[in-house]
Protein backbone atom coordinates (compact mmCIF):
# COMPACT_ATOMS: atom_id res chain seq x y z
CA MET A 1 125.41 -11.69 -8.01
CA GLN A 2 125.09 -13.21 -4.56
CA SER A 3 127.84 -13.93 -2.03
CA HIS A 4 128.19 -17.02 0.17
CA HIS A 5 125.40 -18.80 -1.71
CA ASP A 6 124.24 -22.26 -0.54
CA LEU A 7 124.58 -24.82 -3.36
CA SER A 8 123.35 -27.85 -1.42
CA ARG A 9 120.18 -28.09 -3.50
CA PHE A 10 122.08 -27.67 -6.74
CA ASN A 11 123.74 -31.09 -6.67
CA THR A 12 121.88 -34.39 -6.76
CA LEU A 13 124.31 -35.95 -4.25
CA GLY A 14 123.02 -33.44 -1.71
CA LEU A 15 126.51 -32.50 -0.56
CA PRO A 16 126.90 -29.30 1.48
CA CYS A 17 128.56 -26.55 -0.52
CA VAL A 18 128.81 -22.78 -0.35
CA ALA A 19 129.82 -20.63 -3.31
CA GLU A 20 131.92 -17.55 -2.62
CA ARG A 21 129.97 -15.78 -5.41
CA PHE A 22 126.98 -17.02 -7.43
CA ALA A 23 125.08 -15.75 -10.47
CA ALA A 24 122.36 -17.24 -12.71
CA PRO A 25 122.39 -15.36 -16.06
CA THR A 26 119.30 -15.64 -18.23
CA SER A 27 120.89 -14.60 -21.53
CA VAL A 28 124.10 -15.17 -23.48
CA GLU A 29 124.89 -11.47 -23.16
CA ALA A 30 124.62 -11.60 -19.36
CA LEU A 31 126.82 -14.70 -19.33
CA GLN A 32 129.43 -12.91 -21.44
CA GLU A 33 129.45 -10.02 -18.96
CA LEU A 34 130.01 -12.41 -16.08
CA LEU A 35 132.89 -14.12 -17.90
CA TRP A 36 134.48 -10.71 -18.49
CA MET A 37 134.06 -9.80 -14.84
CA ALA A 38 135.54 -13.10 -13.64
CA GLY A 39 138.54 -12.65 -15.93
CA LYS A 40 139.10 -9.07 -14.84
CA GLN A 41 138.97 -9.98 -11.13
CA GLU A 42 140.90 -13.23 -11.71
CA TRP A 43 138.17 -15.26 -10.00
CA PRO A 44 138.23 -19.05 -10.42
CA LEU A 45 135.15 -19.96 -12.49
CA THR A 46 132.80 -22.92 -11.98
CA VAL A 47 129.90 -23.56 -14.37
CA LEU A 48 126.99 -25.40 -12.79
CA GLY A 49 123.97 -27.03 -14.42
CA GLU A 50 121.68 -29.22 -12.34
CA GLY A 51 124.61 -30.82 -10.53
CA SER A 52 123.68 -34.37 -11.51
CA ASN A 53 127.18 -35.51 -12.47
CA LEU A 54 129.21 -33.35 -10.12
CA ILE A 55 130.87 -33.66 -6.74
CA LEU A 56 130.87 -30.34 -4.91
CA PRO A 57 133.39 -29.43 -2.20
CA GLU A 58 132.26 -27.65 0.94
CA TRP A 59 133.58 -24.32 -0.36
CA LEU A 60 133.82 -23.11 -3.98
CA LYS A 61 136.11 -20.14 -4.35
CA GLY A 62 135.61 -17.48 -7.02
CA LEU A 63 132.43 -17.33 -9.11
CA VAL A 64 129.87 -20.06 -9.71
CA VAL A 65 127.70 -19.46 -12.78
CA ARG A 66 124.47 -21.34 -13.40
CA PRO A 67 123.17 -20.33 -16.85
CA ILE A 68 119.36 -20.27 -17.11
CA LEU A 69 119.20 -20.59 -20.89
CA ASP A 70 115.98 -22.58 -20.95
CA GLU A 71 114.45 -22.05 -24.38
CA TRP A 72 114.28 -24.58 -27.21
CA ARG A 73 112.80 -24.71 -30.72
CA LEU A 74 112.37 -27.02 -33.70
CA GLU A 75 113.66 -26.34 -37.19
CA GLU A 76 111.99 -28.59 -39.72
CA SER A 77 112.41 -28.53 -43.48
CA LYS A 78 112.15 -31.20 -46.19
CA GLY A 79 112.18 -34.08 -43.74
CA ARG A 80 115.13 -32.66 -41.79
CA VAL A 81 114.42 -31.97 -38.10
CA LEU A 82 116.83 -30.00 -35.95
CA VAL A 83 116.32 -29.25 -32.27
CA HIS A 84 117.96 -26.16 -30.83
CA ALA A 85 118.08 -26.47 -27.03
CA GLY A 86 119.48 -23.96 -24.56
CA ALA A 87 122.01 -25.21 -22.05
CA GLY A 88 119.58 -24.70 -19.18
CA VAL A 89 116.79 -26.87 -20.65
CA ASN A 90 116.10 -29.93 -18.49
CA TRP A 91 117.25 -32.94 -20.50
CA HIS A 92 114.53 -35.43 -19.51
CA THR A 93 111.73 -32.91 -20.03
CA LEU A 94 113.01 -32.25 -23.54
CA VAL A 95 113.34 -35.95 -24.38
CA MET A 96 109.76 -36.68 -23.33
CA GLU A 97 108.32 -33.69 -25.20
CA LEU A 98 110.14 -34.62 -28.41
CA ALA A 99 109.01 -38.23 -28.06
CA ARG A 100 105.41 -37.06 -27.62
CA ARG A 101 105.80 -35.19 -30.92
CA GLY A 102 106.85 -38.41 -32.67
CA LEU A 103 110.53 -37.50 -33.06
CA TRP A 104 113.10 -40.31 -32.91
CA GLY A 105 116.73 -40.25 -31.87
CA ILE A 106 117.08 -39.61 -28.15
CA GLU A 107 114.14 -41.56 -26.67
CA ASN A 108 116.53 -44.14 -25.16
CA LEU A 109 118.12 -41.33 -23.15
CA ALA A 110 114.98 -40.59 -21.12
CA LEU A 111 115.25 -39.97 -17.36
CA ILE A 112 118.93 -39.11 -17.49
CA PRO A 113 119.13 -36.28 -14.96
CA GLY A 114 120.72 -32.95 -15.72
CA SER A 115 120.58 -30.09 -18.19
CA CYS A 116 121.25 -30.01 -21.92
CA GLY A 117 124.46 -28.06 -21.44
CA ALA A 118 126.04 -30.92 -19.49
CA ALA A 119 125.04 -33.64 -21.97
CA PRO A 120 127.94 -33.24 -24.47
CA ILE A 121 130.59 -33.02 -21.74
CA GLN A 122 129.80 -36.56 -20.65
CA ASN A 123 128.55 -37.75 -24.05
CA ILE A 124 125.61 -39.18 -22.15
CA GLY A 125 124.42 -42.61 -23.16
CA ALA A 126 121.94 -45.29 -22.18
CA TYR A 127 120.36 -48.44 -23.64
CA GLY A 128 122.70 -48.63 -26.63
CA VAL A 129 122.45 -44.96 -27.67
CA GLU A 130 124.89 -42.08 -27.14
CA LEU A 131 124.30 -38.36 -27.58
CA CYS A 132 127.02 -38.10 -30.23
CA GLU A 133 124.86 -40.13 -32.63
CA THR A 134 122.34 -37.27 -32.94
CA LEU A 135 124.36 -34.17 -32.03
CA GLU A 136 125.01 -31.77 -34.89
CA ALA A 137 126.77 -28.92 -33.13
CA VAL A 138 127.53 -27.24 -29.81
CA HIS A 139 127.28 -23.48 -29.37
CA LEU A 140 129.67 -22.10 -26.77
CA LEU A 141 131.47 -19.09 -25.33
CA HIS A 142 135.20 -18.91 -24.80
CA VAL A 143 135.91 -18.12 -21.15
CA GLU A 144 138.97 -16.03 -21.95
CA ASP A 145 137.22 -13.36 -24.03
CA GLY A 146 133.50 -14.26 -24.19
CA ARG A 147 133.78 -14.99 -27.91
CA GLU A 148 130.93 -17.04 -29.40
CA ALA A 149 131.75 -20.13 -31.41
CA VAL A 150 130.05 -23.22 -32.88
CA LEU A 151 131.76 -26.58 -32.61
CA PRO A 152 130.53 -29.31 -35.03
CA SER A 153 130.00 -32.74 -33.58
CA ARG A 154 133.02 -34.18 -35.44
CA ALA A 155 135.27 -31.73 -33.57
CA CYS A 156 134.02 -32.77 -30.11
CA ALA A 157 136.26 -35.89 -29.92
CA PHE A 158 133.49 -37.98 -28.45
CA GLY A 159 134.27 -41.28 -26.79
CA TYR A 160 132.72 -43.46 -24.12
CA ARG A 161 131.65 -40.93 -21.44
CA ASP A 162 134.24 -38.60 -22.84
CA SER A 163 134.62 -35.52 -25.02
CA VAL A 164 136.92 -32.61 -25.78
CA PHE A 165 135.03 -30.68 -23.08
CA LYS A 166 136.55 -32.96 -20.40
CA ARG A 167 140.05 -32.57 -21.84
CA GLU A 168 141.42 -29.81 -24.11
CA LEU A 169 138.48 -27.45 -23.55
CA ASP A 170 137.94 -28.21 -19.86
CA GLY A 171 137.51 -24.87 -18.09
CA ARG A 172 138.04 -22.94 -21.31
CA VAL A 173 134.50 -22.80 -22.70
CA VAL A 174 130.90 -22.57 -21.52
CA ILE A 175 128.25 -24.44 -23.52
CA THR A 176 125.21 -22.32 -24.36
CA ARG A 177 123.17 -24.41 -26.81
CA LEU A 178 122.92 -27.83 -28.48
CA VAL A 179 121.75 -28.60 -31.99
CA MET A 180 120.50 -32.18 -32.46
CA ARG A 181 119.33 -34.02 -35.57
CA LEU A 182 116.17 -36.11 -35.10
CA SER A 183 113.83 -37.99 -37.41
CA ARG A 184 110.14 -38.65 -37.89
CA ILE A 185 110.91 -42.09 -39.34
CA SER A 186 110.41 -44.89 -36.82
CA ARG A 187 113.83 -46.24 -35.81
CA PRO A 188 113.52 -47.99 -32.45
CA ARG A 189 116.74 -49.20 -30.82
CA LEU A 190 115.67 -52.08 -28.59
CA ASP A 191 118.70 -54.40 -28.64
CA TYR A 192 120.17 -53.36 -25.29
CA GLY A 193 119.30 -55.13 -22.05
CA ASP A 194 115.65 -56.08 -21.63
CA LEU A 195 114.22 -52.98 -23.30
CA ALA A 196 112.54 -54.98 -26.07
CA THR A 197 110.47 -56.93 -23.52
CA HIS A 198 108.88 -53.70 -22.27
CA VAL A 199 107.37 -52.60 -25.61
CA ASP A 200 105.31 -54.13 -28.40
CA ALA A 201 106.61 -55.00 -31.86
CA HIS A 202 106.11 -51.52 -33.30
CA PRO A 203 106.39 -48.98 -30.51
CA THR A 204 106.16 -45.23 -30.77
CA ALA A 205 109.03 -43.03 -29.63
CA LEU A 206 107.01 -42.12 -26.56
CA GLN A 207 106.42 -45.77 -25.67
CA VAL A 208 110.16 -46.47 -25.87
CA ALA A 209 110.93 -43.44 -23.69
CA GLU A 210 108.30 -44.52 -21.13
CA ALA A 211 109.69 -48.05 -21.10
CA VAL A 212 113.17 -46.69 -20.42
CA CYS A 213 111.74 -44.64 -17.54
CA THR A 214 110.02 -47.71 -16.08
CA ILE A 215 113.24 -49.76 -16.18
CA ARG A 216 115.39 -46.98 -14.75
CA ARG A 217 112.98 -46.20 -11.92
CA ALA A 218 112.96 -49.86 -10.92
CA LYS A 219 116.74 -49.95 -10.69
CA LEU A 220 117.88 -46.46 -9.74
CA PRO A 221 117.13 -44.33 -6.67
CA ASP A 222 115.40 -40.96 -7.06
CA PRO A 223 117.94 -38.21 -6.19
CA ALA A 224 115.11 -36.20 -4.63
CA LEU A 225 114.68 -38.99 -2.04
CA LEU A 226 118.22 -40.39 -1.74
CA GLY A 227 121.27 -38.39 -2.81
CA ASN A 228 123.19 -39.87 -5.71
CA ALA A 229 124.89 -38.96 -8.99
CA GLY A 230 123.64 -41.91 -10.99
CA SER A 231 126.38 -44.26 -12.17
CA PHE A 232 129.40 -43.42 -10.07
CA PHE A 233 131.91 -45.51 -12.07
CA LYS A 234 132.41 -45.93 -15.78
CA ASN A 235 132.13 -49.40 -17.22
CA PRO A 236 135.82 -50.32 -17.60
CA LEU A 237 137.39 -50.99 -20.97
CA VAL A 238 139.99 -53.78 -20.96
CA SER A 239 142.08 -55.57 -23.56
CA LEU A 240 140.69 -58.66 -25.24
CA GLU A 241 143.34 -60.77 -23.50
CA ALA A 242 142.35 -59.40 -20.06
CA ALA A 243 138.68 -60.04 -20.79
CA GLU A 244 139.35 -63.62 -21.86
CA ARG A 245 141.27 -64.27 -18.65
CA LEU A 246 138.40 -62.96 -16.54
CA LEU A 247 135.79 -64.90 -18.49
CA ARG A 248 137.63 -68.15 -17.87
CA ASP A 249 137.10 -67.62 -14.14
CA TYR A 250 133.79 -65.73 -14.35
CA PRO A 251 131.88 -66.91 -17.43
CA GLN A 252 128.75 -64.97 -16.35
CA LEU A 253 130.60 -61.63 -16.46
CA PRO A 254 128.67 -59.27 -18.78
CA HIS A 255 131.01 -58.09 -21.53
CA PHE A 256 130.60 -56.06 -24.70
CA PRO A 257 133.24 -56.17 -27.51
CA GLN A 258 134.13 -52.72 -28.83
CA PRO A 259 135.04 -51.60 -32.37
CA ASP A 260 138.65 -50.89 -31.30
CA GLY A 261 139.16 -54.47 -30.14
CA ARG A 262 138.81 -53.78 -26.45
CA VAL A 263 136.02 -55.17 -24.27
CA LYS A 264 133.69 -53.20 -22.05
CA LEU A 265 132.88 -54.83 -18.71
CA ALA A 266 129.94 -54.16 -16.38
CA ALA A 267 131.27 -52.22 -13.39
CA GLY A 268 128.09 -52.86 -11.41
CA TRP A 269 128.54 -56.63 -11.80
CA LEU A 270 132.14 -56.40 -10.57
CA ILE A 271 131.10 -54.37 -7.50
CA ASP A 272 128.20 -56.71 -6.77
CA ARG A 273 130.46 -59.80 -6.96
CA CYS A 274 132.67 -58.22 -4.32
CA GLY A 275 129.66 -58.42 -2.00
CA LEU A 276 129.31 -54.65 -1.82
CA LYS A 277 125.71 -54.15 -2.93
CA GLY A 278 123.95 -52.52 0.03
CA TRP A 279 127.24 -51.94 1.87
CA ARG A 280 127.29 -48.78 3.97
CA GLN A 281 130.12 -46.95 5.66
CA GLY A 282 129.37 -43.72 7.50
CA HIS A 283 127.20 -41.36 5.47
CA PHE A 284 127.59 -43.21 2.15
CA GLY A 285 126.76 -46.59 0.71
CA VAL A 286 126.38 -48.77 -2.37
CA HIS A 287 122.77 -48.82 -3.50
CA GLU A 288 120.94 -52.00 -2.57
CA ARG A 289 119.46 -52.53 -6.06
CA GLN A 290 122.16 -51.09 -8.34
CA ALA A 291 125.78 -51.55 -7.27
CA LEU A 292 126.99 -48.95 -9.78
CA VAL A 293 125.28 -46.19 -7.78
CA LEU A 294 126.79 -44.74 -4.64
CA VAL A 295 124.24 -43.06 -2.36
CA HIS A 296 124.43 -40.30 0.25
CA PHE A 297 122.32 -40.75 3.35
CA GLY A 298 122.94 -37.17 4.49
CA GLY A 299 125.50 -35.45 6.64
CA GLY A 300 128.53 -36.44 4.60
CA SER A 301 131.16 -34.49 2.69
CA ALA A 302 132.91 -34.73 -0.66
CA ALA A 303 136.12 -35.92 1.02
CA GLU A 304 134.25 -38.75 2.76
CA LEU A 305 132.52 -39.73 -0.49
CA LEU A 306 135.81 -39.90 -2.40
CA ALA A 307 137.35 -42.05 0.32
CA PHE A 308 134.35 -44.41 0.22
CA ALA A 309 134.52 -44.63 -3.60
CA GLU A 310 138.25 -45.37 -3.39
CA SER A 311 137.51 -48.23 -1.02
CA VAL A 312 134.94 -49.71 -3.43
CA ALA A 313 137.29 -49.39 -6.40
CA GLY A 314 140.14 -50.87 -4.37
CA GLN A 315 138.18 -54.01 -3.57
CA VAL A 316 137.30 -54.48 -7.25
CA ALA A 317 140.94 -54.02 -8.26
CA GLU A 318 142.10 -56.50 -5.64
CA ARG A 319 139.69 -59.23 -6.71
CA PHE A 320 139.51 -58.77 -10.48
CA GLY A 321 142.58 -56.72 -11.36
CA VAL A 322 140.35 -54.13 -13.02
CA ASP A 323 140.62 -50.41 -12.29
CA LEU A 324 137.38 -48.42 -11.96
CA GLU A 325 137.29 -44.80 -13.07
CA ARG A 326 135.03 -42.25 -11.38
CA GLU A 327 132.31 -40.82 -13.63
CA PRO A 328 131.13 -37.65 -11.76
CA ARG A 329 133.46 -34.68 -12.07
CA LEU A 330 134.97 -32.94 -9.06
CA ALA A 331 134.15 -29.24 -9.02
CA GLY A 332 136.79 -26.70 -8.06
């Protein structure tokens, strides 16, 4: 365990942050011991992955735990393929390796930054595919007593960028492993955006994953070069009546009807139409190519970022009457 540990490199936004205490356990048993210690000392607990969907304050009190559970394996029998991935496995690395092995199911989720342990919290999704479609189960520890448990996918209450881990179980469990169900049968999902134009008629899983990478790199900034947390706002869900009103005034507005009758709107389009693409204020700005991404030019703080994001959302609400919800979580 280390004290006053610098976390600046552990968040893709590049925000300055110091943890009062920090530990990086390499086994479930070591993680259990840390949970017991934090409970005994009554330390506030923060679990950190690769910090790709997180806003860090300048000071994190208590104990910050970054599990290094970085092993994964395949379980294959009678055409059934299960992937067991530790919470510390890099998500994109795993996606590409599975695609190279001809396994289908998560190839559309290539180049999403972060670790496997964070994926169910957000129910990550891209190009028409969400994690919940392949997830079988989540292995976890209860913070209160270190007890191990397995939560089946149906109990995770998955929704659009949402799960039980952001609500009822927020702060109460630590994810240690994912179990995902994949297939060797070719099942490309190419009906979202312009993905189909980047592959041939019968692509391999690897070709789909590489096409997704090509598209994302052309639109999104590399966090290693320019601090960002990917999409900063969720695509808003509005009633059918609200969508129809907006479409009368803005017929080009991208919109996607949902099974529950609501309509999903493109947050990036709304921000762009407010003339905010490329807008900069202080240490933060709206990315010049993708209005859904807020970028950090260095030297800023979490408080400044939140104020900037509030300004962006306020302008969208004023013009369109649509409220934008922040996607990255606020640590501490």
